[in-house]
Each structure stands twice: as C-alpha cells, then as structure tokens.
Amino acid sequence: MTDPHAKTSYATGSIQSLVDLVAFPLRCLISDDANERIGLTSLRHERCAFTARHCEGRVLDVGCGTNKLAAIRRDVVGVDVFPWPQIDALVDTTRLPFRDEAFDTVTLIACLNHIPRRTEVLPECHRLLKPGGLILLTMISPLIGNVSHRLNWWDPDQRERGMTPGELFGMWNSQVMQLLSDSGFRQVRRRRFLYGLNNLFLARK
C-alpha cells in the first residue's frame, strides 16, 4: 500500500538492497552523508524509513537531529535540544511546547539512550498524543552500542559533545519496555530490523 504521507519511497530496490548488504561493514565505518554521496543507503535513512512505515497522521519527531524523517515523510515536526540547522524547533524535551493531544504519532529515533531525563520526556510524549496515539522508538542493545559508537569517529555529536552523565550507549529491550509501561503506554511491541541489529518499539497511549 502506498503511503500518502511519503515524500519518497521508503523501500530500496533489490539491487540496492544487495549492494547495501555487501557494503554493510563500510556503511558502519563512514558517515551517513558519505554513504549517501557514494550511492549507499545510510543507516540514518534505514532507521527513519523503517519508522516512517509505521507512522500515523501528524508526527512529532523528538531528538530529530538532521530531521531525516521530515525529509522523507510529510506532516512531521522535528524538534531537538541541539541547534541542528534542519530542525523545526529548539526545545526542552522535558517541557515540549505543544498542546495536549496534538499528535497522532511521536517518534524517538536512535535517541532515547542519549536523553538523561528520559523518565520525564516519555510522559511528555504521552501527553502530546491523541487517545490511541502511537509512540515509535528505535534502540540498539548496549553491546552493539558500545561497538558502534566507538566506530563512528565521524559523528559530530560524539566529536563535539561526547557522552554526558546519564547517557547510555544503548538500552536492553526490557529497559525500554519498562520505561514505556511506566510512562503510561500500553500494547508495547518490538520489531527487529537492519539485519536484526536494531529494534523498533511500538506502543499506544
């Protein structure tokens, strides 16, 4: 089924998928921008494209970074605590400047482990969702995170800011599911993607 919100196809062709698989070690070692310049699918794009397939209606992307989700899907508001040039708003994610029940979906793509005050941010996400609204977040395990963060020498977040107290290299599935449950979310599910190395968590308000 075609997504009416899609600005571009979320899927890659079979040849591109094969090239991406063979080049996976290289894709892990070079930046997302470099991957895209040489014709490979960036890991950033894969995370956002997989998440986009599950989005519903109006979307708030918390910790959006380069705002890739908004680049591939319409009706996305991207916010971050750092002044990336592509964001829609610079915010305090523990006090998001939107009215109650303003969004159908809230996403946190590869960022919850980098939010020290995550027990305050997730209830804010809950507040902003309409009844029955959807939260989507991607997360890697601490084992994969420890390796990948050390390989990603090019990452400006790590190069300029490093890791602050409370940040984690990744989170266990049980940790994420407990945080979502404690924040009032229900029907928590998990789907693996990116060769089974990454997880997408889905839950309802």
N, C-alpha and C. Protein backbone atom coordinates (compact mmCIF):
# COMPACT_ATOMS: atom_id res chain seq x y z
N MET A 1 0.84 -1.19 0.00
CA MET A 1 0.00 0.00 0.00
C MET A 1 0.88 1.25 0.00
N THR A 2 0.54 2.23 -0.84
CA THR A 2 1.30 3.47 -0.92
C THR A 2 0.93 4.38 0.25
N ASP A 3 1.95 4.96 0.89
CA ASP A 3 1.72 5.87 2.00
C ASP A 3 1.51 7.27 1.44
N PRO A 4 0.33 7.88 1.65
CA PRO A 4 0.08 9.21 1.11
C PRO A 4 0.96 10.29 1.73
N HIS A 5 1.59 9.97 2.86
CA HIS A 5 2.47 10.93 3.53
C HIS A 5 3.92 10.86 3.02
N ALA A 6 4.22 9.84 2.23
CA ALA A 6 5.61 9.64 1.80
C ALA A 6 6.04 10.69 0.78
N LYS A 7 7.18 11.30 1.01
CA LYS A 7 7.77 12.20 0.03
C LYS A 7 8.62 11.42 -0.97
N THR A 8 9.12 10.28 -0.53
CA THR A 8 9.94 9.42 -1.36
C THR A 8 9.70 7.99 -0.91
N SER A 9 10.02 7.01 -1.74
CA SER A 9 9.79 5.62 -1.38
C SER A 9 10.62 5.25 -0.15
N TYR A 10 10.00 4.55 0.80
CA TYR A 10 10.72 4.09 1.98
C TYR A 10 11.59 2.86 1.67
N ALA A 11 11.21 2.14 0.63
CA ALA A 11 11.89 0.89 0.30
C ALA A 11 13.01 1.12 -0.71
N THR A 12 14.02 0.26 -0.66
CA THR A 12 15.08 0.26 -1.68
C THR A 12 14.83 -0.91 -2.62
N GLY A 13 15.33 -0.81 -3.83
CA GLY A 13 15.18 -1.90 -4.78
C GLY A 13 16.04 -3.09 -4.40
N SER A 14 15.81 -4.23 -5.07
CA SER A 14 16.53 -5.45 -4.73
C SER A 14 18.03 -5.33 -4.97
N ILE A 15 18.42 -4.65 -6.05
CA ILE A 15 19.85 -4.49 -6.33
C ILE A 15 20.50 -3.59 -5.29
N GLN A 16 19.82 -2.49 -4.96
CA GLN A 16 20.35 -1.59 -3.93
C GLN A 16 20.45 -2.31 -2.59
N SER A 17 19.46 -3.12 -2.26
CA SER A 17 19.48 -3.87 -1.00
C SER A 17 20.66 -4.83 -0.94
N LEU A 18 20.97 -5.46 -2.08
CA LEU A 18 22.11 -6.38 -2.13
C LEU A 18 23.42 -5.62 -1.97
N VAL A 19 23.54 -4.49 -2.66
CA VAL A 19 24.74 -3.66 -2.54
C VAL A 19 24.91 -3.19 -1.10
N ASP A 20 23.81 -2.76 -0.49
CA ASP A 20 23.86 -2.29 0.90
C ASP A 20 24.30 -3.40 1.84
N LEU A 21 23.83 -4.62 1.60
CA LEU A 21 24.20 -5.75 2.45
C LEU A 21 25.69 -6.05 2.33
N VAL A 22 26.20 -6.11 1.11
CA VAL A 22 27.62 -6.41 0.89
C VAL A 22 28.50 -5.32 1.48
N ALA A 23 28.02 -4.08 1.39
CA ALA A 23 28.81 -2.94 1.86
C ALA A 23 28.54 -2.58 3.32
N PHE A 24 27.82 -3.46 4.03
CA PHE A 24 27.43 -3.11 5.40
C PHE A 24 28.62 -2.73 6.30
N PRO A 25 29.75 -3.46 6.26
CA PRO A 25 30.88 -3.04 7.11
C PRO A 25 31.35 -1.61 6.81
N LEU A 26 31.38 -1.26 5.53
CA LEU A 26 31.77 0.10 5.15
C LEU A 26 30.75 1.11 5.62
N ARG A 27 29.46 0.76 5.50
CA ARG A 27 28.40 1.67 5.91
C ARG A 27 28.49 2.00 7.40
N CYS A 28 28.99 1.06 8.19
CA CYS A 28 29.14 1.28 9.64
C CYS A 28 30.32 2.19 9.97
N LEU A 29 31.29 2.25 9.06
CA LEU A 29 32.53 2.96 9.34
C LEU A 29 32.55 4.41 8.86
N ILE A 30 31.73 4.71 7.86
CA ILE A 30 31.75 6.07 7.32
C ILE A 30 30.45 6.79 7.66
N SER A 31 30.45 8.09 7.52
CA SER A 31 29.30 8.89 7.93
C SER A 31 28.08 8.64 7.05
N ASP A 32 26.92 9.00 7.57
CA ASP A 32 25.69 8.88 6.79
C ASP A 32 25.77 9.70 5.52
N ASP A 33 26.30 10.91 5.62
CA ASP A 33 26.42 11.76 4.44
C ASP A 33 27.34 11.12 3.40
N ALA A 34 28.43 10.52 3.85
CA ALA A 34 29.36 9.86 2.93
C ALA A 34 28.71 8.66 2.26
N ASN A 35 27.95 7.88 3.03
CA ASN A 35 27.21 6.76 2.45
C ASN A 35 26.32 7.22 1.31
N GLU A 36 25.57 8.28 1.56
CA GLU A 36 24.62 8.75 0.55
C GLU A 36 25.33 9.35 -0.66
N ARG A 37 26.49 9.97 -0.43
CA ARG A 37 27.24 10.53 -1.57
C ARG A 37 27.74 9.46 -2.52
N ILE A 38 28.10 8.28 -1.99
CA ILE A 38 28.65 7.23 -2.86
C ILE A 38 27.59 6.21 -3.30
N GLY A 39 26.32 6.51 -3.04
CA GLY A 39 25.24 5.68 -3.55
C GLY A 39 24.80 4.54 -2.66
N LEU A 40 25.24 4.55 -1.40
CA LEU A 40 24.79 3.54 -0.45
C LEU A 40 23.63 4.12 0.38
N THR A 41 22.85 3.24 0.97
CA THR A 41 21.77 3.68 1.85
C THR A 41 22.34 3.91 3.24
N SER A 42 22.21 5.10 3.76
CA SER A 42 22.76 5.39 5.09
C SER A 42 21.96 4.66 6.16
N LEU A 43 22.63 4.38 7.28
CA LEU A 43 21.94 3.76 8.41
C LEU A 43 20.87 4.70 8.95
N ARG A 44 21.15 6.00 8.90
CA ARG A 44 20.16 7.01 9.30
C ARG A 44 18.89 6.87 8.48
N HIS A 45 19.04 6.71 7.16
CA HIS A 45 17.87 6.57 6.29
C HIS A 45 17.12 5.28 6.60
N GLU A 46 17.86 4.19 6.83
CA GLU A 46 17.19 2.92 7.13
C GLU A 46 16.36 3.01 8.40
N ARG A 47 16.90 3.65 9.43
CA ARG A 47 16.15 3.80 10.68
C ARG A 47 14.88 4.62 10.45
N CYS A 48 15.04 5.74 9.74
CA CYS A 48 13.89 6.63 9.52
C CYS A 48 12.87 6.01 8.58
N ALA A 49 13.33 5.33 7.55
CA ALA A 49 12.39 4.71 6.60
C ALA A 49 11.59 3.60 7.26
N PHE A 50 12.24 2.79 8.10
CA PHE A 50 11.52 1.72 8.77
C PHE A 50 10.51 2.30 9.75
N THR A 51 10.89 3.35 10.46
CA THR A 51 9.97 4.01 11.38
C THR A 51 8.82 4.66 10.63
N ALA A 52 9.11 5.31 9.51
CA ALA A 52 8.09 6.01 8.74
C ALA A 52 6.97 5.09 8.28
N ARG A 53 7.30 3.84 7.98
CA ARG A 53 6.29 2.88 7.54
C ARG A 53 5.18 2.68 8.59
N HIS A 54 5.52 2.93 9.84
CA HIS A 54 4.58 2.66 10.92
C HIS A 54 3.91 3.93 11.46
N CYS A 55 4.33 5.09 10.98
CA CYS A 55 3.76 6.35 11.48
C CYS A 55 2.31 6.51 11.06
N GLU A 56 1.56 7.24 11.89
CA GLU A 56 0.17 7.53 11.60
C GLU A 56 -0.07 9.03 11.74
N GLY A 57 -0.76 9.64 10.77
CA GLY A 57 -1.18 11.03 10.88
C GLY A 57 -0.06 12.01 11.13
N ARG A 58 -0.34 13.00 11.97
CA ARG A 58 0.63 14.06 12.28
C ARG A 58 1.68 13.53 13.25
N VAL A 59 2.95 13.81 12.95
CA VAL A 59 4.06 13.20 13.69
C VAL A 59 4.92 14.26 14.35
N LEU A 60 5.30 14.00 15.60
CA LEU A 60 6.33 14.78 16.28
C LEU A 60 7.56 13.89 16.41
N ASP A 61 8.69 14.34 15.85
CA ASP A 61 9.94 13.59 15.94
C ASP A 61 10.83 14.26 16.99
N VAL A 62 10.96 13.63 18.14
CA VAL A 62 11.74 14.16 19.26
C VAL A 62 13.19 13.70 19.12
N GLY A 63 14.14 14.64 19.27
CA GLY A 63 15.54 14.31 19.07
C GLY A 63 15.83 14.04 17.61
N CYS A 64 15.30 14.90 16.75
CA CYS A 64 15.29 14.64 15.30
C CYS A 64 16.65 14.78 14.64
N GLY A 65 17.61 15.48 15.28
CA GLY A 65 18.92 15.65 14.66
C GLY A 65 18.82 16.34 13.32
N THR A 66 19.23 15.67 12.26
CA THR A 66 19.21 16.25 10.91
C THR A 66 17.82 16.24 10.27
N ASN A 67 16.82 15.81 11.03
CA ASN A 67 15.41 15.86 10.58
C ASN A 67 15.16 15.03 9.33
N LYS A 68 15.78 13.87 9.28
CA LYS A 68 15.64 12.98 8.12
C LYS A 68 14.22 12.47 7.94
N LEU A 69 13.52 12.23 9.05
CA LEU A 69 12.14 11.74 8.93
C LEU A 69 11.28 12.74 8.18
N ALA A 70 11.46 14.02 8.48
CA ALA A 70 10.69 15.07 7.78
C ALA A 70 11.10 15.18 6.32
N ALA A 71 12.29 14.72 5.99
CA ALA A 71 12.75 14.77 4.60
C ALA A 71 12.11 13.68 3.75
N ILE A 72 11.64 12.60 4.40
CA ILE A 72 11.06 11.51 3.62
C ILE A 72 9.56 11.34 3.85
N ARG A 73 9.00 12.07 4.84
CA ARG A 73 7.58 11.93 5.14
C ARG A 73 6.96 13.28 5.45
N ARG A 74 5.77 13.53 4.91
CA ARG A 74 5.07 14.79 5.16
C ARG A 74 4.45 14.80 6.56
N ASP A 75 4.10 16.02 7.00
CA ASP A 75 3.39 16.23 8.26
C ASP A 75 4.20 15.75 9.46
N VAL A 76 5.50 16.10 9.47
CA VAL A 76 6.40 15.78 10.57
C VAL A 76 6.96 17.07 11.14
N VAL A 77 6.92 17.22 12.45
CA VAL A 77 7.56 18.34 13.15
C VAL A 77 8.77 17.77 13.87
N GLY A 78 9.96 18.28 13.54
CA GLY A 78 11.18 17.77 14.13
C GLY A 78 11.75 18.73 15.17
N VAL A 79 11.97 18.22 16.40
CA VAL A 79 12.50 19.07 17.47
C VAL A 79 13.74 18.42 18.08
N ASP A 80 14.61 19.27 18.64
CA ASP A 80 15.84 18.76 19.25
C ASP A 80 16.32 19.74 20.30
N VAL A 81 17.20 19.24 21.18
CA VAL A 81 17.79 20.11 22.21
C VAL A 81 19.06 20.79 21.70
N PHE A 82 19.57 20.34 20.56
CA PHE A 82 20.75 20.95 19.95
C PHE A 82 20.33 21.67 18.66
N PRO A 83 20.99 22.77 18.34
CA PRO A 83 20.56 23.61 17.20
C PRO A 83 21.01 23.09 15.84
N TRP A 84 20.58 21.88 15.48
CA TRP A 84 20.84 21.40 14.12
C TRP A 84 20.15 22.34 13.14
N PRO A 85 20.78 22.64 12.01
CA PRO A 85 20.19 23.62 11.09
C PRO A 85 18.86 23.19 10.48
N GLN A 86 18.58 21.88 10.45
CA GLN A 86 17.36 21.40 9.79
C GLN A 86 16.15 21.31 10.71
N ILE A 87 16.30 21.52 12.02
CA ILE A 87 15.17 21.28 12.93
C ILE A 87 14.08 22.34 12.77
N ASP A 88 12.88 21.97 13.20
CA ASP A 88 11.77 22.92 13.19
C ASP A 88 11.73 23.76 14.46
N ALA A 89 12.21 23.20 15.57
CA ALA A 89 12.19 23.96 16.82
C ALA A 89 13.25 23.44 17.78
N LEU A 90 13.91 24.36 18.46
CA LEU A 90 14.87 24.05 19.53
C LEU A 90 14.08 24.05 20.84
N VAL A 91 14.09 22.93 21.57
CA VAL A 91 13.17 22.78 22.70
C VAL A 91 13.85 22.15 23.91
N ASP A 92 13.18 22.28 25.03
CA ASP A 92 13.45 21.47 26.22
C ASP A 92 12.52 20.27 26.12
N THR A 93 13.07 19.08 25.92
CA THR A 93 12.21 17.92 25.66
C THR A 93 11.46 17.45 26.90
N THR A 94 11.80 17.99 28.07
CA THR A 94 11.01 17.66 29.26
C THR A 94 9.79 18.58 29.39
N ARG A 95 9.73 19.64 28.55
CA ARG A 95 8.59 20.57 28.53
C ARG A 95 8.32 20.96 27.09
N LEU A 96 7.77 20.07 26.35
CA LEU A 96 7.57 20.30 24.92
C LEU A 96 6.47 21.34 24.69
N PRO A 97 6.72 22.30 23.80
CA PRO A 97 5.81 23.46 23.66
C PRO A 97 4.63 23.21 22.73
N PHE A 98 3.87 22.16 23.01
CA PHE A 98 2.71 21.83 22.19
C PHE A 98 1.54 21.51 23.12
N ARG A 99 0.33 21.71 22.61
CA ARG A 99 -0.86 21.46 23.41
C ARG A 99 -1.07 19.95 23.58
N ASP A 100 -1.84 19.60 24.58
CA ASP A 100 -2.19 18.21 24.83
C ASP A 100 -2.85 17.60 23.59
N GLU A 101 -2.54 16.34 23.33
CA GLU A 101 -3.18 15.54 22.27
C GLU A 101 -3.06 16.19 20.90
N ALA A 102 -1.88 16.77 20.62
CA ALA A 102 -1.67 17.48 19.35
C ALA A 102 -1.18 16.58 18.22
N PHE A 103 -0.75 15.35 18.54
CA PHE A 103 -0.13 14.50 17.53
C PHE A 103 -0.74 13.10 17.53
N ASP A 104 -0.67 12.47 16.36
CA ASP A 104 -1.11 11.08 16.21
C ASP A 104 0.02 10.11 16.52
N THR A 105 1.26 10.54 16.25
CA THR A 105 2.44 9.70 16.45
C THR A 105 3.56 10.55 17.03
N VAL A 106 4.31 9.99 17.97
CA VAL A 106 5.55 10.59 18.44
C VAL A 106 6.67 9.59 18.18
N THR A 107 7.78 10.06 17.62
CA THR A 107 8.92 9.18 17.35
C THR A 107 10.15 9.65 18.11
N LEU A 108 10.96 8.69 18.52
CA LEU A 108 12.28 8.95 19.10
C LEU A 108 13.23 7.97 18.43
N ILE A 109 13.94 8.45 17.42
CA ILE A 109 14.75 7.58 16.58
C ILE A 109 16.21 7.66 17.02
N ALA A 110 16.71 6.55 17.54
CA ALA A 110 18.11 6.44 17.95
C ALA A 110 18.53 7.53 18.93
N CYS A 111 17.63 7.89 19.85
CA CYS A 111 17.97 8.99 20.75
C CYS A 111 17.61 8.78 22.21
N LEU A 112 16.72 7.86 22.56
CA LEU A 112 16.27 7.76 23.95
C LEU A 112 17.45 7.50 24.90
N ASN A 113 18.42 6.71 24.45
CA ASN A 113 19.59 6.43 25.30
C ASN A 113 20.45 7.67 25.51
N HIS A 114 20.29 8.67 24.65
CA HIS A 114 21.06 9.91 24.78
C HIS A 114 20.29 11.00 25.53
N ILE A 115 19.13 10.64 26.09
CA ILE A 115 18.32 11.58 26.86
C ILE A 115 18.43 11.22 28.34
N PRO A 116 19.25 11.93 29.10
CA PRO A 116 19.41 11.58 30.52
C PRO A 116 18.11 11.60 31.30
N ARG A 117 17.22 12.55 31.00
CA ARG A 117 15.96 12.70 31.75
C ARG A 117 14.82 11.99 31.01
N ARG A 118 15.09 10.77 30.58
CA ARG A 118 14.10 10.04 29.77
C ARG A 118 12.81 9.74 30.53
N THR A 119 12.89 9.63 31.86
CA THR A 119 11.68 9.36 32.64
C THR A 119 10.77 10.59 32.70
N GLU A 120 11.26 11.75 32.30
CA GLU A 120 10.42 12.94 32.19
C GLU A 120 9.96 13.16 30.75
N VAL A 121 10.80 12.79 29.80
CA VAL A 121 10.48 13.03 28.38
C VAL A 121 9.37 12.09 27.90
N LEU A 122 9.40 10.83 28.28
CA LEU A 122 8.37 9.90 27.81
C LEU A 122 6.97 10.28 28.29
N PRO A 123 6.77 10.70 29.54
CA PRO A 123 5.44 11.18 29.91
C PRO A 123 5.00 12.41 29.11
N GLU A 124 5.94 13.27 28.73
CA GLU A 124 5.62 14.40 27.87
C GLU A 124 5.12 13.90 26.51
N CYS A 125 5.77 12.89 25.99
CA CYS A 125 5.33 12.30 24.72
C CYS A 125 3.91 11.74 24.86
N HIS A 126 3.64 11.11 25.99
CA HIS A 126 2.31 10.56 26.27
C HIS A 126 1.27 11.68 26.28
N ARG A 127 1.60 12.79 26.91
CA ARG A 127 0.68 13.94 26.99
C ARG A 127 0.31 14.46 25.61
N LEU A 128 1.27 14.47 24.71
CA LEU A 128 1.06 15.08 23.39
C LEU A 128 0.30 14.19 22.42
N LEU A 129 0.16 12.92 22.75
CA LEU A 129 -0.53 12.00 21.84
C LEU A 129 -2.04 12.03 22.04
N LYS A 130 -2.76 11.92 20.93
CA LYS A 130 -4.21 11.74 20.98
C LYS A 130 -4.52 10.38 21.62
N PRO A 131 -5.72 10.21 22.16
CA PRO A 131 -6.10 8.89 22.68
C PRO A 131 -5.91 7.81 21.60
N GLY A 132 -5.23 6.75 21.96
CA GLY A 132 -4.93 5.69 20.99
C GLY A 132 -3.73 6.00 20.13
N GLY A 133 -3.09 7.16 20.37
CA GLY A 133 -1.93 7.55 19.58
C GLY A 133 -0.75 6.61 19.76
N LEU A 134 0.21 6.73 18.85
CA LEU A 134 1.30 5.76 18.73
C LEU A 134 2.64 6.40 19.06
N ILE A 135 3.43 5.72 19.88
CA ILE A 135 4.82 6.12 20.07
C ILE A 135 5.71 5.07 19.41
N LEU A 136 6.72 5.55 18.68
CA LEU A 136 7.67 4.68 18.00
C LEU A 136 9.08 5.10 18.41
N LEU A 137 9.89 4.14 18.82
CA LEU A 137 11.27 4.49 19.11
C LEU A 137 12.19 3.36 18.69
N THR A 138 13.37 3.72 18.19
CA THR A 138 14.35 2.72 17.80
C THR A 138 15.46 2.68 18.84
N MET A 139 16.01 1.48 19.04
CA MET A 139 17.05 1.32 20.05
C MET A 139 17.94 0.13 19.73
N ILE A 140 19.23 0.31 19.97
CA ILE A 140 20.19 -0.79 19.87
C ILE A 140 20.54 -1.26 21.28
N SER A 141 21.07 -2.48 21.37
CA SER A 141 21.47 -3.01 22.67
C SER A 141 22.77 -2.35 23.12
N PRO A 142 23.08 -2.38 24.42
CA PRO A 142 24.35 -1.83 24.89
C PRO A 142 25.57 -2.50 24.25
N LEU A 143 25.47 -3.79 23.93
CA LEU A 143 26.60 -4.48 23.31
C LEU A 143 26.90 -3.89 21.94
N ILE A 144 25.86 -3.77 21.12
CA ILE A 144 26.04 -3.19 19.79
C ILE A 144 26.41 -1.72 19.90
N GLY A 145 25.79 -1.02 20.83
CA GLY A 145 26.06 0.41 21.00
C GLY A 145 27.49 0.71 21.38
N ASN A 146 28.07 -0.10 22.26
CA ASN A 146 29.45 0.12 22.66
C ASN A 146 30.40 0.00 21.47
N VAL A 147 30.12 -0.96 20.60
CA VAL A 147 30.97 -1.13 19.41
C VAL A 147 30.70 -0.03 18.40
N SER A 148 29.43 0.22 18.07
CA SER A 148 29.11 1.17 17.01
C SER A 148 29.51 2.60 17.36
N HIS A 149 29.34 3.00 18.62
CA HIS A 149 29.72 4.36 18.99
C HIS A 149 31.23 4.58 18.90
N ARG A 150 31.99 3.52 19.13
CA ARG A 150 33.43 3.66 19.01
C ARG A 150 33.88 3.67 17.55
N LEU A 151 33.12 3.01 16.69
CA LEU A 151 33.44 3.01 15.26
C LEU A 151 33.07 4.32 14.59
N ASN A 152 32.06 5.00 15.13
CA ASN A 152 31.54 6.22 14.49
C ASN A 152 32.35 7.45 14.88
N TRP A 153 33.63 7.45 14.47
CA TRP A 153 34.54 8.55 14.75
C TRP A 153 34.08 9.85 14.10
N TRP A 154 33.27 9.74 13.07
CA TRP A 154 32.83 10.90 12.29
C TRP A 154 31.63 11.62 12.90
N ASP A 155 30.98 11.00 13.89
CA ASP A 155 29.74 11.53 14.44
C ASP A 155 29.98 12.87 15.16
N PRO A 156 29.37 13.97 14.67
CA PRO A 156 29.62 15.28 15.31
C PRO A 156 29.16 15.34 16.75
N ASP A 157 28.10 14.58 17.10
CA ASP A 157 27.65 14.54 18.50
C ASP A 157 28.77 14.05 19.42
N GLN A 158 29.43 12.97 19.00
CA GLN A 158 30.49 12.41 19.84
C GLN A 158 31.75 13.26 19.79
N ARG A 159 32.06 13.80 18.63
CA ARG A 159 33.29 14.57 18.46
C ARG A 159 33.22 15.90 19.21
N GLU A 160 32.05 16.54 19.18
CA GLU A 160 31.93 17.88 19.77
C GLU A 160 31.42 17.85 21.21
N ARG A 161 30.53 16.89 21.53
CA ARG A 161 29.90 16.91 22.84
C ARG A 161 30.26 15.72 23.72
N GLY A 162 30.58 14.59 23.10
CA GLY A 162 30.87 13.40 23.87
C GLY A 162 29.64 12.88 24.60
N MET A 163 29.86 12.01 25.55
CA MET A 163 28.77 11.43 26.34
C MET A 163 28.66 12.17 27.67
N THR A 164 27.46 12.59 28.02
CA THR A 164 27.23 13.31 29.27
C THR A 164 26.67 12.33 30.31
N PRO A 165 26.72 12.68 31.61
CA PRO A 165 26.17 11.80 32.64
C PRO A 165 24.70 11.47 32.35
N GLY A 166 24.39 10.19 32.46
CA GLY A 166 23.03 9.74 32.19
C GLY A 166 22.82 9.19 30.80
N GLU A 167 23.72 9.51 29.85
CA GLU A 167 23.62 8.94 28.51
C GLU A 167 24.12 7.49 28.53
N LEU A 168 23.57 6.69 27.63
CA LEU A 168 23.93 5.29 27.53
C LEU A 168 24.30 4.96 26.09
N PHE A 169 25.13 3.95 25.90
CA PHE A 169 25.48 3.53 24.55
C PHE A 169 24.35 2.77 23.87
N GLY A 170 23.43 2.26 24.65
CA GLY A 170 22.27 1.54 24.15
C GLY A 170 21.43 1.11 25.34
N MET A 171 20.31 0.45 25.07
CA MET A 171 19.43 0.01 26.15
C MET A 171 18.92 -1.39 25.85
N TRP A 172 18.76 -2.18 26.91
CA TRP A 172 18.20 -3.52 26.76
C TRP A 172 16.70 -3.41 26.47
N ASN A 173 16.19 -4.42 25.77
CA ASN A 173 14.76 -4.42 25.42
C ASN A 173 13.88 -4.28 26.65
N SER A 174 14.23 -4.98 27.72
CA SER A 174 13.42 -4.93 28.94
C SER A 174 13.41 -3.53 29.54
N GLN A 175 14.52 -2.81 29.44
CA GLN A 175 14.58 -1.44 29.96
C GLN A 175 13.61 -0.54 29.20
N VAL A 176 13.64 -0.64 27.88
CA VAL A 176 12.79 0.21 27.05
C VAL A 176 11.32 -0.09 27.32
N MET A 177 10.99 -1.37 27.38
CA MET A 177 9.59 -1.75 27.57
C MET A 177 9.09 -1.31 28.95
N GLN A 178 9.96 -1.38 29.95
CA GLN A 178 9.56 -0.95 31.29
C GLN A 178 9.35 0.56 31.33
N LEU A 179 10.24 1.32 30.68
CA LEU A 179 10.09 2.77 30.63
C LEU A 179 8.79 3.17 29.95
N LEU A 180 8.45 2.51 28.86
CA LEU A 180 7.21 2.82 28.16
C LEU A 180 6.00 2.49 29.03
N SER A 181 6.04 1.35 29.69
CA SER A 181 4.94 0.96 30.56
C SER A 181 4.79 1.93 31.73
N ASP A 182 5.92 2.31 32.34
CA ASP A 182 5.89 3.24 33.47
C ASP A 182 5.37 4.62 33.08
N SER A 183 5.51 4.96 31.80
CA SER A 183 5.06 6.27 31.31
C SER A 183 3.62 6.25 30.83
N GLY A 184 2.93 5.13 31.02
CA GLY A 184 1.50 5.06 30.71
C GLY A 184 1.16 4.45 29.37
N PHE A 185 2.16 3.93 28.65
CA PHE A 185 1.89 3.34 27.34
C PHE A 185 1.48 1.88 27.49
N ARG A 186 0.71 1.40 26.51
CA ARG A 186 0.20 0.03 26.55
C ARG A 186 0.45 -0.64 25.21
N GLN A 187 0.17 -1.93 25.14
CA GLN A 187 0.34 -2.72 23.91
C GLN A 187 1.76 -2.55 23.35
N VAL A 188 2.74 -2.65 24.21
CA VAL A 188 4.13 -2.46 23.78
C VAL A 188 4.58 -3.66 22.95
N ARG A 189 5.08 -3.38 21.76
CA ARG A 189 5.57 -4.44 20.86
C ARG A 189 6.97 -4.08 20.38
N ARG A 190 7.67 -5.09 19.87
CA ARG A 190 9.03 -4.86 19.35
C ARG A 190 9.17 -5.54 17.98
N ARG A 191 9.79 -4.83 17.07
CA ARG A 191 10.10 -5.40 15.75
C ARG A 191 11.57 -5.17 15.44
N ARG A 192 12.24 -6.21 15.01
CA ARG A 192 13.66 -6.10 14.68
C ARG A 192 13.81 -5.67 13.21
N PHE A 193 14.88 -4.91 12.93
CA PHE A 193 15.17 -4.51 11.56
C PHE A 193 16.67 -4.28 11.43
N LEU A 194 17.10 -3.88 10.26
CA LEU A 194 18.52 -3.66 9.96
C LEU A 194 19.34 -4.91 10.30
N TYR A 195 18.97 -6.02 9.62
CA TYR A 195 19.63 -7.31 9.78
C TYR A 195 19.50 -7.84 11.21
N GLY A 196 18.46 -7.43 11.91
CA GLY A 196 18.22 -7.89 13.26
C GLY A 196 19.04 -7.20 14.32
N LEU A 197 19.82 -6.17 13.93
CA LEU A 197 20.70 -5.49 14.88
C LEU A 197 20.01 -4.33 15.60
N ASN A 198 18.89 -3.87 15.07
CA ASN A 198 18.19 -2.73 15.65
C ASN A 198 16.75 -3.14 15.99
N ASN A 199 16.14 -2.37 16.87
CA ASN A 199 14.78 -2.66 17.30
C ASN A 199 13.90 -1.43 17.15
N LEU A 200 12.68 -1.67 16.71
CA LEU A 200 11.65 -0.63 16.73
C LEU A 200 10.62 -1.04 17.77
N PHE A 201 10.39 -0.16 18.75
CA PHE A 201 9.36 -0.38 19.78
C PHE A 201 8.13 0.45 19.41
N LEU A 202 6.97 -0.17 19.51
CA LEU A 202 5.70 0.45 19.20
C LEU A 202 4.80 0.31 20.41
N ALA A 203 4.12 1.39 20.80
CA ALA A 203 3.18 1.33 21.92
C ALA A 203 2.08 2.36 21.73
N ARG A 204 0.96 2.13 22.40
CA ARG A 204 -0.21 3.01 22.29
C ARG A 204 -0.46 3.77 23.58
N LYS A 205 -1.04 4.95 23.42
CA LYS A 205 -1.50 5.71 24.58
C LYS A 205 -2.77 5.09 25.13
